[in-house]
Amino acid sequence: MSDASPLHILISGGKGGLARALRSEWKNDCVHAPGHKAMDVRDEKQVDAWFSKLERLDVLVANAAVTRDGAITGLTGDDFS
């Protein structure tokens, strides 16, 4: 992909090992990898703020360590509080 424009990537849970490995793989792309303090995925306002400031988003890696059982389509914001 060296001839393509850089990808714009958001990695939630961006301070862990997977995020570090992905950042090194995507070193020629625009990677945003906020940690828990910068983007707490349990806080809808923080998540909205991150998405609103992005120029564009090509890849989203949902890597934050919040787990709930159930289909994602059936979960609400309250399930993560």
N, C-alpha and C. Protein backbone atom coordinates (compact mmCIF):
# COMPACT_ATOMS: atom_id res chain seq x y z
N MET A 1 0.81 -1.19 0.00
CA MET A 1 0.00 0.00 0.00
C MET A 1 0.85 1.26 0.00
N SER A 2 2.07 1.19 -0.42
CA SER A 2 2.95 2.35 -0.35
C SER A 2 2.50 3.48 -1.26
N ASP A 3 1.76 3.19 -2.34
CA ASP A 3 1.29 4.22 -3.24
C ASP A 3 -0.02 4.85 -2.78
N ALA A 4 -0.72 4.23 -1.87
CA ALA A 4 -2.01 4.72 -1.40
C ALA A 4 -1.82 5.80 -0.33
N SER A 5 -2.84 6.60 -0.16
CA SER A 5 -2.78 7.59 0.91
C SER A 5 -2.83 6.87 2.25
N PRO A 6 -2.30 7.50 3.29
CA PRO A 6 -2.28 6.82 4.61
C PRO A 6 -3.68 6.52 5.11
N LEU A 7 -3.80 5.38 5.77
CA LEU A 7 -5.05 5.02 6.43
C LEU A 7 -5.19 5.84 7.71
N HIS A 8 -6.41 6.14 8.08
CA HIS A 8 -6.71 6.80 9.35
C HIS A 8 -7.31 5.73 10.25
N ILE A 9 -6.62 5.45 11.35
CA ILE A 9 -6.92 4.30 12.19
C ILE A 9 -7.14 4.75 13.64
N LEU A 10 -8.18 4.21 14.27
CA LEU A 10 -8.42 4.45 15.70
C LEU A 10 -8.37 3.11 16.40
N ILE A 11 -7.49 3.02 17.42
CA ILE A 11 -7.36 1.81 18.22
C ILE A 11 -7.78 2.15 19.64
N SER A 12 -8.92 1.63 20.09
CA SER A 12 -9.29 1.85 21.49
C SER A 12 -8.42 0.95 22.36
N GLY A 13 -8.22 1.34 23.59
CA GLY A 13 -7.32 0.58 24.46
C GLY A 13 -5.90 0.66 23.93
N GLY A 14 -5.51 1.86 23.52
CA GLY A 14 -4.29 2.06 22.75
C GLY A 14 -2.97 1.98 23.48
N LYS A 15 -2.96 1.61 24.74
CA LYS A 15 -1.69 1.55 25.47
C LYS A 15 -1.18 0.12 25.68
N GLY A 16 -1.93 -0.88 25.23
CA GLY A 16 -1.53 -2.26 25.45
C GLY A 16 -0.62 -2.82 24.37
N GLY A 17 -0.28 -4.07 24.52
CA GLY A 17 0.64 -4.74 23.60
C GLY A 17 0.13 -4.86 22.18
N LEU A 18 -1.16 -5.18 22.01
CA LEU A 18 -1.70 -5.28 20.67
C LEU A 18 -1.63 -3.94 19.96
N ALA A 19 -2.00 -2.87 20.65
CA ALA A 19 -1.96 -1.53 20.06
C ALA A 19 -0.52 -1.16 19.67
N ARG A 20 0.45 -1.47 20.52
CA ARG A 20 1.85 -1.18 20.18
C ARG A 20 2.27 -1.94 18.93
N ALA A 21 1.89 -3.20 18.83
CA ALA A 21 2.25 -4.01 17.65
C ALA A 21 1.59 -3.46 16.39
N LEU A 22 0.34 -3.08 16.49
CA LEU A 22 -0.36 -2.53 15.33
C LEU A 22 0.23 -1.19 14.90
N ARG A 23 0.57 -0.33 15.88
CA ARG A 23 1.20 0.95 15.53
C ARG A 23 2.49 0.73 14.77
N SER A 24 3.27 -0.28 15.15
CA SER A 24 4.53 -0.53 14.44
C SER A 24 4.28 -1.05 13.03
N GLU A 25 3.20 -1.81 12.84
CA GLU A 25 2.83 -2.29 11.50
C GLU A 25 2.30 -1.17 10.62
N TRP A 26 1.60 -0.23 11.23
CA TRP A 26 0.97 0.87 10.49
C TRP A 26 1.75 2.16 10.66
N LYS A 27 3.08 2.07 10.68
CA LYS A 27 3.91 3.25 10.96
C LYS A 27 3.80 4.34 9.90
N ASN A 28 3.35 4.00 8.69
CA ASN A 28 3.19 5.00 7.63
C ASN A 28 1.78 5.54 7.54
N ASP A 29 0.94 5.16 8.48
CA ASP A 29 -0.46 5.59 8.49
C ASP A 29 -0.70 6.54 9.66
N CYS A 30 -1.86 7.12 9.70
CA CYS A 30 -2.27 8.04 10.76
C CYS A 30 -3.01 7.25 11.83
N VAL A 31 -2.29 6.89 12.89
CA VAL A 31 -2.85 6.03 13.93
C VAL A 31 -3.14 6.84 15.19
N HIS A 32 -4.36 6.76 15.66
CA HIS A 32 -4.76 7.33 16.94
C HIS A 32 -4.99 6.15 17.87
N ALA A 33 -4.28 6.14 18.99
CA ALA A 33 -4.39 5.01 19.92
C ALA A 33 -4.48 5.54 21.35
N PRO A 34 -5.62 6.13 21.70
CA PRO A 34 -5.75 6.67 23.05
C PRO A 34 -5.85 5.58 24.10
N GLY A 35 -5.25 5.84 25.23
CA GLY A 35 -5.37 4.93 26.36
C GLY A 35 -6.64 5.23 27.13
N HIS A 36 -6.82 4.52 28.22
CA HIS A 36 -8.05 4.62 29.03
C HIS A 36 -8.32 6.04 29.54
N LYS A 37 -7.27 6.74 29.95
CA LYS A 37 -7.47 8.08 30.49
C LYS A 37 -7.90 9.06 29.41
N ALA A 38 -7.42 8.87 28.19
CA ALA A 38 -7.77 9.77 27.09
C ALA A 38 -9.13 9.45 26.49
N MET A 39 -9.48 8.16 26.43
CA MET A 39 -10.78 7.76 25.89
C MET A 39 -11.28 6.54 26.65
N ASP A 40 -12.06 6.81 27.67
CA ASP A 40 -12.69 5.74 28.45
C ASP A 40 -13.92 5.28 27.66
N VAL A 41 -13.88 4.08 27.12
CA VAL A 41 -14.98 3.61 26.26
C VAL A 41 -16.29 3.45 27.00
N ARG A 42 -16.26 3.52 28.33
CA ARG A 42 -17.50 3.48 29.11
C ARG A 42 -18.18 4.85 29.13
N ASP A 43 -17.47 5.88 28.71
CA ASP A 43 -17.98 7.25 28.73
C ASP A 43 -18.35 7.67 27.31
N GLU A 44 -19.64 7.66 27.02
CA GLU A 44 -20.13 7.94 25.67
C GLU A 44 -19.67 9.32 25.18
N LYS A 45 -19.60 10.30 26.07
CA LYS A 45 -19.16 11.64 25.68
C LYS A 45 -17.70 11.65 25.24
N GLN A 46 -16.85 10.90 25.93
CA GLN A 46 -15.44 10.82 25.53
C GLN A 46 -15.30 10.14 24.17
N VAL A 47 -16.06 9.08 23.95
CA VAL A 47 -16.01 8.37 22.66
C VAL A 47 -16.51 9.29 21.55
N ASP A 48 -17.63 9.96 21.78
CA ASP A 48 -18.15 10.89 20.79
C ASP A 48 -17.14 11.99 20.47
N ALA A 49 -16.46 12.49 21.49
CA ALA A 49 -15.46 13.54 21.29
C ALA A 49 -14.33 13.05 20.39
N TRP A 50 -13.87 11.82 20.60
CA TRP A 50 -12.80 11.28 19.75
C TRP A 50 -13.26 11.15 18.31
N PHE A 51 -14.44 10.60 18.10
CA PHE A 51 -14.93 10.43 16.74
C PHE A 51 -15.17 11.77 16.06
N SER A 52 -15.62 12.77 16.78
CA SER A 52 -15.93 14.06 16.17
C SER A 52 -14.68 14.81 15.73
N LYS A 53 -13.54 14.54 16.35
CA LYS A 53 -12.33 15.26 15.96
C LYS A 53 -11.51 14.56 14.87
N LEU A 54 -11.93 13.36 14.50
CA LEU A 54 -11.21 12.65 13.44
C LEU A 54 -11.57 13.21 12.07
N GLU A 55 -10.57 13.43 11.25
CA GLU A 55 -10.78 13.90 9.88
C GLU A 55 -11.54 12.85 9.08
N ARG A 56 -11.14 11.62 9.24
CA ARG A 56 -11.81 10.48 8.62
C ARG A 56 -11.40 9.24 9.40
N LEU A 57 -12.09 8.14 9.14
CA LEU A 57 -11.77 6.88 9.81
C LEU A 57 -11.89 5.75 8.81
N ASP A 58 -10.77 5.08 8.58
CA ASP A 58 -10.74 3.94 7.66
C ASP A 58 -10.79 2.61 8.40
N VAL A 59 -10.15 2.57 9.58
CA VAL A 59 -10.04 1.32 10.34
C VAL A 59 -10.33 1.62 11.81
N LEU A 60 -11.20 0.83 12.41
CA LEU A 60 -11.45 0.91 13.85
C LEU A 60 -11.07 -0.43 14.46
N VAL A 61 -10.18 -0.40 15.44
CA VAL A 61 -9.80 -1.61 16.18
C VAL A 61 -10.37 -1.45 17.59
N ALA A 62 -11.40 -2.23 17.89
CA ALA A 62 -12.04 -2.18 19.20
C ALA A 62 -11.25 -3.08 20.14
N ASN A 63 -10.28 -2.47 20.82
CA ASN A 63 -9.31 -3.21 21.61
C ASN A 63 -9.44 -2.93 23.11
N ALA A 64 -10.38 -2.09 23.50
CA ALA A 64 -10.52 -1.75 24.92
C ALA A 64 -11.02 -2.97 25.70
N ALA A 65 -10.62 -3.05 26.94
CA ALA A 65 -10.91 -4.24 27.75
C ALA A 65 -12.21 -4.09 28.54
N VAL A 66 -13.30 -3.91 27.84
CA VAL A 66 -14.62 -3.93 28.47
C VAL A 66 -15.35 -5.11 27.86
N THR A 67 -15.78 -6.02 28.70
CA THR A 67 -16.46 -7.19 28.17
C THR A 67 -17.85 -7.33 28.78
N ARG A 68 -18.78 -7.66 27.93
CA ARG A 68 -20.15 -7.96 28.35
C ARG A 68 -20.63 -9.10 27.46
N ASP A 69 -21.39 -9.99 28.04
CA ASP A 69 -21.92 -11.10 27.25
C ASP A 69 -23.18 -10.66 26.51
N GLY A 70 -23.27 -11.05 25.26
CA GLY A 70 -24.44 -10.74 24.46
C GLY A 70 -24.04 -10.21 23.10
N ALA A 71 -24.99 -10.23 22.20
CA ALA A 71 -24.75 -9.69 20.87
C ALA A 71 -24.56 -8.19 20.97
N ILE A 72 -23.60 -7.64 20.25
CA ILE A 72 -23.32 -6.21 20.31
C ILE A 72 -24.55 -5.39 19.95
N THR A 73 -25.38 -5.91 19.08
CA THR A 73 -26.57 -5.17 18.66
C THR A 73 -27.60 -5.06 19.77
N GLY A 74 -27.49 -5.91 20.78
CA GLY A 74 -28.44 -5.88 21.87
C GLY A 74 -27.95 -5.11 23.09
N LEU A 75 -26.72 -4.58 23.04
CA LEU A 75 -26.16 -3.87 24.17
C LEU A 75 -26.44 -2.37 24.07
N THR A 76 -26.53 -1.72 25.21
CA THR A 76 -26.70 -0.27 25.25
C THR A 76 -25.54 0.34 26.03
N GLY A 77 -25.48 1.65 26.05
CA GLY A 77 -24.45 2.34 26.82
C GLY A 77 -24.47 1.96 28.29
N ASP A 78 -25.65 1.70 28.82
CA ASP A 78 -25.76 1.32 30.23
C ASP A 78 -25.08 -0.01 30.54
N ASP A 79 -24.94 -0.88 29.54
CA ASP A 79 -24.26 -2.15 29.76
C ASP A 79 -22.77 -1.97 30.05
N PHE A 80 -22.23 -0.79 29.74
CA PHE A 80 -20.80 -0.55 29.91
C PHE A 80 -20.50 0.40 31.07
N SER A 81 -21.50 0.77 31.82
CA SER A 81 -21.30 1.70 32.95
C SER A 81 -20.91 0.95 34.20
